[in-house]
Amino acid sequence: METFIVEKDNPELKDSILIEGLPGVGLVGKIAVDYLISELKAKKFADLYSPYMPHQALIKGKSELELIKNEFYYYKGKKDMIFLAGEAQAVDIFGHYEIASKVLDYVEKYDVKSIFTLGGFATKEAGDRVFGAVTDPEMVKEYDNLGITFMKDGSIVGAAGLLLGIGKLRGIKGTCLLGECPGYLVSPKAAKAVLKVVTEIFGIRISFKKLDERVKKTEEFLKNIKRLEGTEEEKIKEDYIG
């Protein structure tokens, strides 16, 4: 078996934009792209399967079993968009390069002119900043008023980095947007910060109501965890004799 794509539709797209959001730090990219797909009612048109995905099948719905895959959705608006979503990324280095190359081979036939990859950036502060990187320094000027903190060094691993790096070799410009998050927990708050930048760039109007509800639940969960940790610390102090 090799990496292959099963096409379900053949949409007519022009000057399109690829937006990737696969599982990664804080699931930020996945939450963001899944939310865009839902709010924009984007249509699925292809699935990607690969032996470099985790070696398991998922059980869904009425005991239906499926291989792990990545999915392509399209949306026709002011800008034609292709969303790359999915349940996992490749499990090894060769697989990451293989899948990223296969994705680009496929979307190039849909006239992709630029790539945006979304993800999380783990920090101790876990605030609401959005970090960025671009394939051409001149592109930074395009985002002057969006409050993006552009990184001067470091690295971006997985699909978020390779799609841009390989895309650059093919003459496709690219931007990476990373939402600040704790890293060890799912972060819808960081996903919202990234989405606010994305919707501003493309002039997209969506409701954040459902995402705000998820942010609220996550923050309540974190408060409960901290309260329990504090209670446990107090108990340890009370039990300590010496």
Foldseek 3Di string as FASTA:
>chain_A
DAKDKDWADDDQFAQEEEEEQEQDFLSLSQLLLVVVCVFQVWAWTMKIDGPQWPPAWDQDDPRDTGRWIWTWTWHDDPHTYIYIYTHTFGPDDVRLLRVLVVVCVVCVVNHHQEYEYEEADADPVQDWAKEKDWPDPVCVVVCVPLRYHYDDDDADDGNRGNNQVVVVVVVHIYMYIHFYGNRVHNALSSSVSRNVSVCVSVVDDGDCVVSVVVNVVVVVVVVVVVVVVVVVVVVVVVPDDD
